[in-house]
Amino acid sequence: WVDYFTSAEVAAVPARWYTAFENSFPIADAWMA
């Protein structure tokens, strides 16, 4: 998440549909952590 929100080098696809999906995960991942 640090990389994703700072440089996005971990993003496999630079398309909006991909980032929209990935942007829906931080709260759920935080709950898991």
Full PDB file with SEQRES, HELIX, SHEET, SSBOND, CRYST1, ORIGX, SCALE, CONECT and MASTER records, all heavy atoms in Angstrom:
SEQRES   1 A   33  TRP VAL ASP TYR PHE THR SER ALA GLU VAL ALA ALA VAL          
SEQRES   2 A   33  PRO ALA ARG TRP TYR THR ALA PHE GLU ASN SER PHE PRO          
SEQRES   3 A   33  ILE ALA ASP ALA TRP MET ALA                                  
HELIX    1 AA1 VAL A    2  THR A    6  1                                   5    
HELIX    2 AA2 ARG A   16  GLU A   22  1                                   7    
HELIX    3 AA3 PRO A   26  MET A   32  1                                   7    
CRYST1    1.000    1.000    1.000  90.00  90.00  90.00 P 1           1          
ORIGX1      1.000000  0.000000  0.000000        0.00000                         
ORIGX2      0.000000  1.000000  0.000000        0.00000                         
ORIGX3      0.000000  0.000000  1.000000        0.00000                         
SCALE1      1.000000  0.000000  0.000000        0.00000                         
SCALE2      0.000000  1.000000  0.000000        0.00000                         
SCALE3      0.000000  0.000000  1.000000        0.00000                         
ATOM      1  N   TRP A   1       0.817  -1.218   0.000  1.00  0.00           N  
ATOM      2  CA  TRP A   1       0.000   0.000   0.000  1.00  0.00           C  
ATOM      3  C   TRP A   1       0.849   1.267   0.000  1.00  0.00           C  
ATOM      4  O   TRP A   1       0.477   2.263  -0.632  1.00  0.00           O  
ATOM      5  CB  TRP A   1      -0.991  -0.012   1.166  1.00  0.00           C  
ATOM      6  CG  TRP A   1      -2.059  -1.014   0.930  1.00  0.00           C  
ATOM      7  CD1 TRP A   1      -2.329  -2.125   1.679  1.00  0.00           C  
ATOM      8  CD2 TRP A   1      -3.007  -1.029  -0.151  1.00  0.00           C  
ATOM      9  NE1 TRP A   1      -3.373  -2.819   1.122  1.00  0.00           N  
ATOM     10  CE2 TRP A   1      -3.811  -2.183   0.004  1.00  0.00           C  
ATOM     11  CE3 TRP A   1      -3.244  -0.201  -1.235  1.00  0.00           C  
ATOM     12  CZ2 TRP A   1      -4.838  -2.505  -0.882  1.00  0.00           C  
ATOM     13  CZ3 TRP A   1      -4.269  -0.522  -2.122  1.00  0.00           C  
ATOM     14  CH2 TRP A   1      -5.042  -1.660  -1.938  1.00  0.00           C  
ATOM     15  N   VAL A   2       1.979   1.244   0.665  1.00  0.00           N  
ATOM     16  CA  VAL A   2       2.865   2.408   0.632  1.00  0.00           C  
ATOM     17  C   VAL A   2       3.318   2.651  -0.806  1.00  0.00           C  
ATOM     18  O   VAL A   2       3.254   3.775  -1.314  1.00  0.00           O  
ATOM     19  CB  VAL A   2       4.068   2.219   1.573  1.00  0.00           C  
ATOM     20  CG1 VAL A   2       5.120   3.301   1.342  1.00  0.00           C  
ATOM     21  CG2 VAL A   2       3.612   2.218   3.024  1.00  0.00           C  
ATOM     22  N   ASP A   3       3.747   1.591  -1.488  1.00  0.00           N  
ATOM     23  CA  ASP A   3       4.160   1.739  -2.882  1.00  0.00           C  
ATOM     24  C   ASP A   3       2.993   2.143  -3.769  1.00  0.00           C  
ATOM     25  O   ASP A   3       3.124   3.027  -4.614  1.00  0.00           O  
ATOM     26  CB  ASP A   3       4.772   0.431  -3.396  1.00  0.00           C  
ATOM     27  CG  ASP A   3       5.258   0.583  -4.826  1.00  0.00           C  
ATOM     28  OD1 ASP A   3       4.416   0.446  -5.756  1.00  0.00           O  
ATOM     29  OD2 ASP A   3       6.449   0.847  -5.035  1.00  0.00           O  
ATOM     30  N   TYR A   4       1.857   1.504  -3.578  1.00  0.00           N  
ATOM     31  CA  TYR A   4       0.691   1.782  -4.423  1.00  0.00           C  
ATOM     32  C   TYR A   4       0.284   3.254  -4.365  1.00  0.00           C  
ATOM     33  O   TYR A   4      -0.003   3.865  -5.385  1.00  0.00           O  
ATOM     34  CB  TYR A   4      -0.485   0.888  -4.009  1.00  0.00           C  
ATOM     35  CG  TYR A   4      -1.729   1.110  -4.835  1.00  0.00           C  
ATOM     36  CD1 TYR A   4      -1.856   0.519  -6.079  1.00  0.00           C  
ATOM     37  CD2 TYR A   4      -2.766   1.905  -4.372  1.00  0.00           C  
ATOM     38  CE1 TYR A   4      -2.989   0.720  -6.857  1.00  0.00           C  
ATOM     39  CE2 TYR A   4      -3.905   2.117  -5.134  1.00  0.00           C  
ATOM     40  CZ  TYR A   4      -4.009   1.516  -6.380  1.00  0.00           C  
ATOM     41  OH  TYR A   4      -5.132   1.726  -7.140  1.00  0.00           O  
ATOM     42  N   PHE A   5       0.266   3.829  -3.180  1.00  0.00           N  
ATOM     43  CA  PHE A   5      -0.177   5.213  -3.033  1.00  0.00           C  
ATOM     44  C   PHE A   5       0.929   6.248  -3.251  1.00  0.00           C  
ATOM     45  O   PHE A   5       0.636   7.428  -3.380  1.00  0.00           O  
ATOM     46  CB  PHE A   5      -0.838   5.429  -1.670  1.00  0.00           C  
ATOM     47  CG  PHE A   5      -2.199   4.805  -1.584  1.00  0.00           C  
ATOM     48  CD1 PHE A   5      -2.448   3.774  -0.696  1.00  0.00           C  
ATOM     49  CD2 PHE A   5      -3.229   5.235  -2.403  1.00  0.00           C  
ATOM     50  CE1 PHE A   5      -3.709   3.188  -0.619  1.00  0.00           C  
ATOM     51  CE2 PHE A   5      -4.489   4.660  -2.337  1.00  0.00           C  
ATOM     52  CZ  PHE A   5      -4.728   3.638  -1.444  1.00  0.00           C  
ATOM     53  N   THR A   6       2.200   5.815  -3.316  1.00  0.00           N  
ATOM     54  CA  THR A   6       3.279   6.779  -3.542  1.00  0.00           C  
ATOM     55  C   THR A   6       3.803   6.733  -4.974  1.00  0.00           C  
ATOM     56  O   THR A   6       3.950   7.764  -5.612  1.00  0.00           O  
ATOM     57  CB  THR A   6       4.436   6.576  -2.556  1.00  0.00           C  
ATOM     58  OG1 THR A   6       4.935   5.233  -2.671  1.00  0.00           O  
ATOM     59  CG2 THR A   6       3.988   6.851  -1.132  1.00  0.00           C  
ATOM     60  N   SER A   7       4.094   5.537  -5.487  1.00  0.00           N  
ATOM     61  CA  SER A   7       4.655   5.457  -6.837  1.00  0.00           C  
ATOM     62  C   SER A   7       3.830   4.599  -7.785  1.00  0.00           C  
ATOM     63  O   SER A   7       4.001   4.678  -8.993  1.00  0.00           O  
ATOM     64  CB  SER A   7       6.078   4.902  -6.786  1.00  0.00           C  
ATOM     65  OG  SER A   7       6.062   3.532  -6.419  1.00  0.00           O  
ATOM     66  N   ALA A   8       2.981   3.742  -7.251  1.00  0.00           N  
ATOM     67  CA  ALA A   8       2.117   2.839  -8.027  1.00  0.00           C  
ATOM     68  C   ALA A   8       2.899   1.880  -8.917  1.00  0.00           C  
ATOM     69  O   ALA A   8       2.381   1.400  -9.920  1.00  0.00           O  
ATOM     70  CB  ALA A   8       1.099   3.619  -8.830  1.00  0.00           C  
ATOM     71  N   GLU A   9       4.139   1.572  -8.550  1.00  0.00           N  
ATOM     72  CA  GLU A   9       4.903   0.593  -9.315  1.00  0.00           C  
ATOM     73  C   GLU A   9       4.338  -0.815  -9.168  1.00  0.00           C  
ATOM     74  O   GLU A   9       4.593  -1.674 -10.000  1.00  0.00           O  
ATOM     75  CB  GLU A   9       6.372   0.626  -8.902  1.00  0.00           C  
ATOM     76  CG  GLU A   9       7.083   1.877  -9.374  1.00  0.00           C  
ATOM     77  CD  GLU A   9       8.564   1.859  -9.043  1.00  0.00           C  
ATOM     78  OE1 GLU A   9       9.132   0.764  -8.888  1.00  0.00           O  
ATOM     79  OE2 GLU A   9       9.132   2.948  -8.942  1.00  0.00           O  
ATOM     80  N   VAL A  10       3.556  -1.059  -8.118  1.00  0.00           N  
ATOM     81  CA  VAL A  10       2.960  -2.385  -7.924  1.00  0.00           C  
ATOM     82  C   VAL A  10       1.679  -2.567  -8.725  1.00  0.00           C  
ATOM     83  O   VAL A  10       1.145  -3.663  -8.792  1.00  0.00           O  
ATOM     84  CB  VAL A  10       2.681  -2.674  -6.431  1.00  0.00           C  
ATOM     85  CG1 VAL A  10       3.978  -2.759  -5.634  1.00  0.00           C  
ATOM     86  CG2 VAL A  10       1.749  -1.642  -5.845  1.00  0.00           C  
ATOM     87  N   ALA A  11       1.190  -1.505  -9.334  1.00  0.00           N  
ATOM     88  CA  ALA A  11      -0.033  -1.602 -10.145  1.00  0.00           C  
ATOM     89  C   ALA A  11       0.285  -2.348 -11.433  1.00  0.00           C  
ATOM     90  O   ALA A  11       1.157  -1.954 -12.200  1.00  0.00           O  
ATOM     91  CB  ALA A  11      -0.581  -0.217 -10.456  1.00  0.00           C  
ATOM     92  N   ALA A  12      -0.432  -3.434 -11.672  1.00  0.00           N  
ATOM     93  CA  ALA A  12      -0.188  -4.263 -12.853  1.00  0.00           C  
ATOM     94  C   ALA A  12      -0.704  -3.615 -14.132  1.00  0.00           C  
ATOM     95  O   ALA A  12      -0.180  -3.867 -15.211  1.00  0.00           O  
ATOM     96  CB  ALA A  12      -0.823  -5.636 -12.667  1.00  0.00           C  
ATOM     97  N   VAL A  13      -1.735  -2.785 -14.015  1.00  0.00           N  
ATOM     98  CA  VAL A  13      -2.358  -2.133 -15.174  1.00  0.00           C  
ATOM     99  C   VAL A  13      -2.633  -0.674 -14.801  1.00  0.00           C  
ATOM    100  O   VAL A  13      -3.207  -0.415 -13.748  1.00  0.00           O  
ATOM    101  CB  VAL A  13      -3.690  -2.839 -15.543  1.00  0.00           C  
ATOM    102  CG1 VAL A  13      -4.359  -2.162 -16.711  1.00  0.00           C  
ATOM    103  CG2 VAL A  13      -3.461  -4.310 -15.839  1.00  0.00           C  
ATOM    104  N   PRO A  14      -2.265   0.276 -15.654  1.00  0.00           N  
ATOM    105  CA  PRO A  14      -2.501   1.690 -15.318  1.00  0.00           C  
ATOM    106  C   PRO A  14      -3.916   2.180 -15.637  1.00  0.00           C  
ATOM    107  O   PRO A  14      -4.179   3.362 -15.564  1.00  0.00           O  
ATOM    108  CB  PRO A  14      -1.466   2.415 -16.187  1.00  0.00           C  
ATOM    109  CG  PRO A  14      -1.286   1.531 -17.365  1.00  0.00           C  
ATOM    110  CD  PRO A  14      -1.463   0.124 -16.858  1.00  0.00           C  
ATOM    111  N   ALA A  15      -4.830   1.292 -15.946  1.00  0.00           N  
ATOM    112  CA  ALA A  15      -6.196   1.678 -16.338  1.00  0.00           C  
ATOM    113  C   ALA A  15      -7.049   2.048 -15.126  1.00  0.00           C  
ATOM    114  O   ALA A  15      -6.841   1.554 -14.014  1.00  0.00           O  
ATOM    115  CB  ALA A  15      -6.862   0.535 -17.090  1.00  0.00           C  
ATOM    116  N   ARG A  16      -8.033   2.903 -15.352  1.00  0.00           N  
ATOM    117  CA  ARG A  16      -8.933   3.371 -14.289  1.00  0.00           C  
ATOM    118  C   ARG A  16      -9.711   2.231 -13.655  1.00  0.00           C  
ATOM    119  O   ARG A  16      -9.902   2.208 -12.442  1.00  0.00           O  
ATOM    120  CB  ARG A  16      -9.889   4.436 -14.864  1.00  0.00           C  
ATOM    121  CG  ARG A  16     -10.954   4.888 -13.901  1.00  0.00           C  
ATOM    122  CD  ARG A  16     -10.385   5.768 -12.794  1.00  0.00           C  
ATOM    123  NE  ARG A  16     -11.449   6.129 -11.880  1.00  0.00           N  
ATOM    124  CZ  ARG A  16     -11.437   5.831 -10.579  1.00  0.00           C  
ATOM    125  NH1 ARG A  16     -10.418   5.223 -10.041  1.00  0.00           N  
ATOM    126  NH2 ARG A  16     -12.435   6.187  -9.810  1.00  0.00           N  
ATOM    127  N   TRP A  17     -10.184   1.260 -14.435  1.00  0.00           N  
ATOM    128  CA  TRP A  17     -10.959   0.138 -13.886  1.00  0.00           C  
ATOM    129  C   TRP A  17     -10.128  -0.682 -12.902  1.00  0.00           C  
ATOM    130  O   TRP A  17     -10.644  -1.196 -11.927  1.00  0.00           O  
ATOM    131  CB  TRP A  17     -11.540  -0.748 -14.994  1.00  0.00           C  
ATOM    132  CG  TRP A  17     -10.520  -1.321 -15.948  1.00  0.00           C  
ATOM    133  CD1 TRP A  17     -10.109  -0.774 -17.131  1.00  0.00           C  
ATOM    134  CD2 TRP A  17      -9.786  -2.537 -15.791  1.00  0.00           C  
ATOM    135  NE1 TRP A  17      -9.156  -1.578 -17.718  1.00  0.00           N  
ATOM    136  CE2 TRP A  17      -8.940  -2.672 -16.924  1.00  0.00           C  
ATOM    137  CE3 TRP A  17      -9.752  -3.531 -14.820  1.00  0.00           C  
ATOM    138  CZ2 TRP A  17      -8.081  -3.750 -17.102  1.00  0.00           C  
ATOM    139  CZ3 TRP A  17      -8.894  -4.605 -15.003  1.00  0.00           C  
ATOM    140  CH2 TRP A  17      -8.074  -4.713 -16.133  1.00  0.00           C  
ATOM    141  N   TYR A  18      -8.812  -0.774 -13.162  1.00  0.00           N  
ATOM    142  CA  TYR A  18      -7.936  -1.520 -12.271  1.00  0.00           C  
ATOM    143  C   TYR A  18      -7.715  -0.748 -10.972  1.00  0.00           C  
ATOM    144  O   TYR A  18      -7.809  -1.317  -9.882  1.00  0.00           O  
ATOM    145  CB  TYR A  18      -6.598  -1.797 -12.965  1.00  0.00           C  
ATOM    146  CG  TYR A  18      -5.616  -2.543 -12.097  1.00  0.00           C  
ATOM    147  CD1 TYR A  18      -5.672  -3.922 -11.980  1.00  0.00           C  
ATOM    148  CD2 TYR A  18      -4.629  -1.871 -11.377  1.00  0.00           C  
ATOM    149  CE1 TYR A  18      -4.782  -4.611 -11.179  1.00  0.00           C  
ATOM    150  CE2 TYR A  18      -3.735  -2.549 -10.575  1.00  0.00           C  
ATOM    151  CZ  TYR A  18      -3.820  -3.915 -10.485  1.00  0.00           C  
ATOM    152  OH  TYR A  18      -2.937  -4.595  -9.672  1.00  0.00           O  
ATOM    153  N   THR A  19      -7.422   0.545 -11.084  1.00  0.00           N  
ATOM    154  CA  THR A  19      -7.187   1.331  -9.871  1.00  0.00           C  
ATOM    155  C   THR A  19      -8.462   1.487  -9.050  1.00  0.00           C  
ATOM    156  O   THR A  19      -8.395   1.538  -7.821  1.00  0.00           O  
ATOM    157  CB  THR A  19      -6.586   2.711 -10.194  1.00  0.00           C  
ATOM    158  OG1 THR A  19      -7.440   3.404 -11.096  1.00  0.00           O  
ATOM    159  CG2 THR A  19      -5.196   2.579 -10.789  1.00  0.00           C  
ATOM    160  N   ALA A  20      -9.616   1.535  -9.709  1.00  0.00           N  
ATOM    161  CA  ALA A  20     -10.881   1.595  -8.961  1.00  0.00           C  
ATOM    162  C   ALA A  20     -11.058   0.343  -8.114  1.00  0.00           C  
ATOM    163  O   ALA A  20     -11.492   0.413  -6.958  1.00  0.00           O  
ATOM    164  CB  ALA A  20     -12.057   1.768  -9.915  1.00  0.00           C  
ATOM    165  N   PHE A  21     -10.720  -0.812  -8.669  1.00  0.00           N  
ATOM    166  CA  PHE A  21     -10.815  -2.059  -7.919  1.00  0.00           C  
ATOM    167  C   PHE A  21      -9.826  -2.060  -6.760  1.00  0.00           C  
ATOM    168  O   PHE A  21     -10.189  -2.353  -5.614  1.00  0.00           O  
ATOM    169  CB  PHE A  21     -10.546  -3.251  -8.847  1.00  0.00           C  
ATOM    170  CG  PHE A  21     -10.520  -4.570  -8.139  1.00  0.00           C  
ATOM    171  CD1 PHE A  21     -11.697  -5.157  -7.714  1.00  0.00           C  
ATOM    172  CD2 PHE A  21      -9.325  -5.226  -7.902  1.00  0.00           C  
ATOM    173  CE1 PHE A  21     -11.682  -6.385  -7.052  1.00  0.00           C  
ATOM    174  CE2 PHE A  21      -9.303  -6.448  -7.248  1.00  0.00           C  
ATOM    175  CZ  PHE A  21     -10.481  -7.027  -6.823  1.00  0.00           C  
ATOM    176  N   GLU A  22      -8.565  -1.720  -7.029  1.00  0.00           N  
ATOM    177  CA  GLU A  22      -7.547  -1.725  -5.974  1.00  0.00           C  
ATOM    178  C   GLU A  22      -7.857  -0.708  -4.880  1.00  0.00           C  
ATOM    179  O   GLU A  22      -7.591  -0.965  -3.707  1.00  0.00           O  
ATOM    180  CB  GLU A  22      -6.159  -1.446  -6.573  1.00  0.00           C  
ATOM    181  CG  GLU A  22      -5.612  -2.579  -7.407  1.00  0.00           C  
ATOM    182  CD  GLU A  22      -5.387  -3.862  -6.628  1.00  0.00           C  
ATOM    183  OE1 GLU A  22      -5.054  -3.810  -5.428  1.00  0.00           O  
ATOM    184  OE2 GLU A  22      -5.542  -4.932  -7.227  1.00  0.00           O  
ATOM    185  N   ASN A  23      -8.431   0.427  -5.242  1.00  0.00           N  
ATOM    186  CA  ASN A  23      -8.761   1.454  -4.251  1.00  0.00           C  
ATOM    187  C   ASN A  23      -9.858   1.018  -3.289  1.00  0.00           C  
ATOM    188  O   ASN A  23     -10.081   1.674  -2.269  1.00  0.00           O  
ATOM    189  CB  ASN A  23      -9.171   2.750  -4.944  1.00  0.00           C  
ATOM    190  CG  ASN A  23      -8.003   3.465  -5.566  1.00  0.00           C  
ATOM    191  OD1 ASN A  23      -6.856   3.216  -5.223  1.00  0.00           O  
ATOM    192  ND2 ASN A  23      -8.285   4.350  -6.495  1.00  0.00           N  
ATOM    193  N   SER A  24     -10.538  -0.066  -3.578  1.00  0.00           N  
ATOM    194  CA  SER A  24     -11.598  -0.543  -2.689  1.00  0.00           C  
ATOM    195  C   SER A  24     -11.062  -1.463  -1.589  1.00  0.00           C  
ATOM    196  O   SER A  24     -11.828  -1.892  -0.733  1.00  0.00           O  
ATOM    197  CB  SER A  24     -12.678  -1.266  -3.502  1.00  0.00           C  
ATOM    198  OG  SER A  24     -12.163  -2.452  -4.074  1.00  0.00           O  
ATOM    199  N   PHE A  25      -9.769  -1.747  -1.572  1.00  0.00           N  
ATOM    200  CA  PHE A  25      -9.209  -2.714  -0.630  1.00  0.00           C  
ATOM    201  C   PHE A  25      -8.582  -2.168   0.651  1.00  0.00           C  
ATOM    202  O   PHE A  25      -8.486  -2.917   1.633  1.00  0.00           O  
ATOM    203  CB  PHE A  25      -8.165  -3.587  -1.338  1.00  0.00           C  
ATOM    204  CG  PHE A  25      -8.768  -4.737  -2.088  1.00  0.00           C  
ATOM    205  CD1 PHE A  25      -9.188  -4.561  -3.390  1.00  0.00           C  
ATOM    206  CD2 PHE A  25      -8.910  -5.969  -1.499  1.00  0.00           C  
ATOM    207  CE1 PHE A  25      -9.743  -5.600  -4.095  1.00  0.00           C  
ATOM    208  CE2 PHE A  25      -9.471  -7.026  -2.198  1.00  0.00           C  
ATOM    209  CZ  PHE A  25      -9.891  -6.835  -3.498  1.00  0.00           C  
ATOM    210  N   PRO A  26      -8.097  -0.950   0.741  1.00  0.00           N  
ATOM    211  CA  PRO A  26      -7.348  -0.549   1.943  1.00  0.00           C  
ATOM    212  C   PRO A  26      -8.075  -0.737   3.269  1.00  0.00           C  
ATOM    213  O   PRO A  26      -7.467  -1.188   4.245  1.00  0.00           O  
ATOM    214  CB  PRO A  26      -7.024   0.927   1.698  1.00  0.00           C  
ATOM    215  CG  PRO A  26      -6.955   1.040   0.222  1.00  0.00           C  
ATOM    216  CD  PRO A  26      -8.020   0.102  -0.282  1.00  0.00           C  
ATOM    217  N   ILE A  27      -9.341  -0.422   3.346  1.00  0.00           N  
ATOM    218  CA  ILE A  27     -10.039  -0.568   4.631  1.00  0.00           C  
ATOM    219  C   ILE A  27     -10.187  -2.041   4.996  1.00  0.00           C  
ATOM    220  O   ILE A  27      -9.954  -2.436   6.144  1.00  0.00           O  
ATOM    221  CB  ILE A  27     -11.399   0.149   4.604  1.00  0.00           C  
ATOM    222  CG1 ILE A  27     -11.169   1.657   4.512  1.00  0.00           C  
ATOM    223  CG2 ILE A  27     -12.244  -0.199   5.829  1.00  0.00           C  
ATOM    224  CD1 ILE A  27     -12.407   2.476   4.318  1.00  0.00           C  
ATOM    225  N   ALA A  28     -10.534  -2.871   4.018  1.00  0.00           N  
ATOM    226  CA  ALA A  28     -10.658  -4.307   4.282  1.00  0.00           C  
ATOM    227  C   ALA A  28      -9.301  -4.909   4.644  1.00  0.00           C  
ATOM    228  O   ALA A  28      -9.206  -5.756   5.546  1.00  0.00           O  
ATOM    229  CB  ALA A  28     -11.249  -5.012   3.065  1.00  0.00           C  
ATOM    230  N   ASP A  29      -8.239  -4.496   3.965  1.00  0.00           N  
ATOM    231  CA  ASP A  29      -6.903  -4.979   4.310  1.00  0.00           C  
ATOM    232  C   ASP A  29      -6.484  -4.506   5.698  1.00  0.00           C  
ATOM    233  O   ASP A  29      -5.822  -5.241   6.437  1.00  0.00           O  
ATOM    234  CB  ASP A  29      -5.884  -4.515   3.275  1.00  0.00           C  
ATOM    235  CG  ASP A  29      -5.908  -5.357   2.005  1.00  0.00           C  
ATOM    236  OD1 ASP A  29      -6.701  -6.325   1.931  1.00  0.00           O  
ATOM    237  OD2 ASP A  29      -5.136  -5.045   1.077  1.00  0.00           O  
ATOM    238  N   ALA A  30      -6.863  -3.288   6.048  1.00  0.00           N  
ATOM    239  CA  ALA A  30      -6.552  -2.781   7.389  1.00  0.00           C  
ATOM    240  C   ALA A  30      -7.277  -3.605   8.451  1.00  0.00           C  
ATOM    241  O   ALA A  30      -6.706  -3.908   9.504  1.00  0.00           O  
ATOM    242  CB  ALA A  30      -6.932  -1.310   7.499  1.00  0.00           C  
ATOM    243  N   TRP A  31      -8.527  -3.990   8.176  1.00  0.00           N  
ATOM    244  CA  TRP A  31      -9.278  -4.840   9.107  1.00  0.00           C  
ATOM    245  C   TRP A  31      -8.571  -6.178   9.280  1.00  0.00           C  
ATOM    246  O   TRP A  31      -8.402  -6.676  10.388  1.00  0.00           O  
ATOM    247  CB  TRP A  31     -10.709  -5.040   8.611  1.00  0.00           C  
ATOM    248  CG  TRP A  31     -11.453  -6.070   9.397  1.00  0.00           C  
ATOM    249  CD1 TRP A  31     -11.790  -7.332   8.987  1.00  0.00           C  
ATOM    250  CD2 TRP A  31     -11.940  -5.958  10.747  1.00  0.00           C  
ATOM    251  NE1 TRP A  31     -12.446  -7.997   9.988  1.00  0.00           N  
ATOM    252  CE2 TRP A  31     -12.549  -7.180  11.079  1.00  0.00           C  
ATOM    253  CE3 TRP A  31     -11.900  -4.944  11.686  1.00  0.00           C  
ATOM    254  CZ2 TRP A  31     -13.123  -7.405  12.317  1.00  0.00           C  
ATOM    255  CZ3 TRP A  31     -12.474  -5.183  12.930  1.00  0.00           C  
ATOM    256  CH2 TRP A  31     -13.080  -6.400  13.225  1.00  0.00           C  
ATOM    257  N   MET A  32      -8.131  -6.764   8.166  1.00  0.00           N  
ATOM    258  CA  MET A  32      -7.429  -8.035   8.226  1.00  0.00           C  
ATOM    259  C   MET A  32      -6.137  -7.892   9.038  1.00  0.00           C  
ATOM    260  O   MET A  32      -5.825  -8.729   9.887  1.00  0.00           O  
ATOM    261  CB  MET A  32      -7.104  -8.538   6.827  1.00  0.00           C  
ATOM    262  CG  MET A  32      -6.362  -9.861   6.821  1.00  0.00           C  
ATOM    263  SD  MET A  32      -5.666 -10.252   5.216  1.00  0.00           S  
ATOM    264  CE  MET A  32      -4.584  -8.866   4.936  1.00  0.00           C  
ATOM    265  N   ALA A  33      -5.394  -6.823   8.793  1.00  0.00           N  
ATOM    266  CA  ALA A  33      -4.142  -6.608   9.515  1.00  0.00           C  
ATOM    267  C   ALA A  33      -4.386  -6.383  11.003  1.00  0.00           C  
ATOM    268  O   ALA A  33      -3.671  -6.925  11.851  1.00  0.00           O  
ATOM    269  CB  ALA A  33      -3.395  -5.415   8.910  1.00  0.00           C  
TER     270      ALA A  33                                                      
MASTER        0    0    0    3    0    0    0    6  269    1    0    3          
END                                                                             
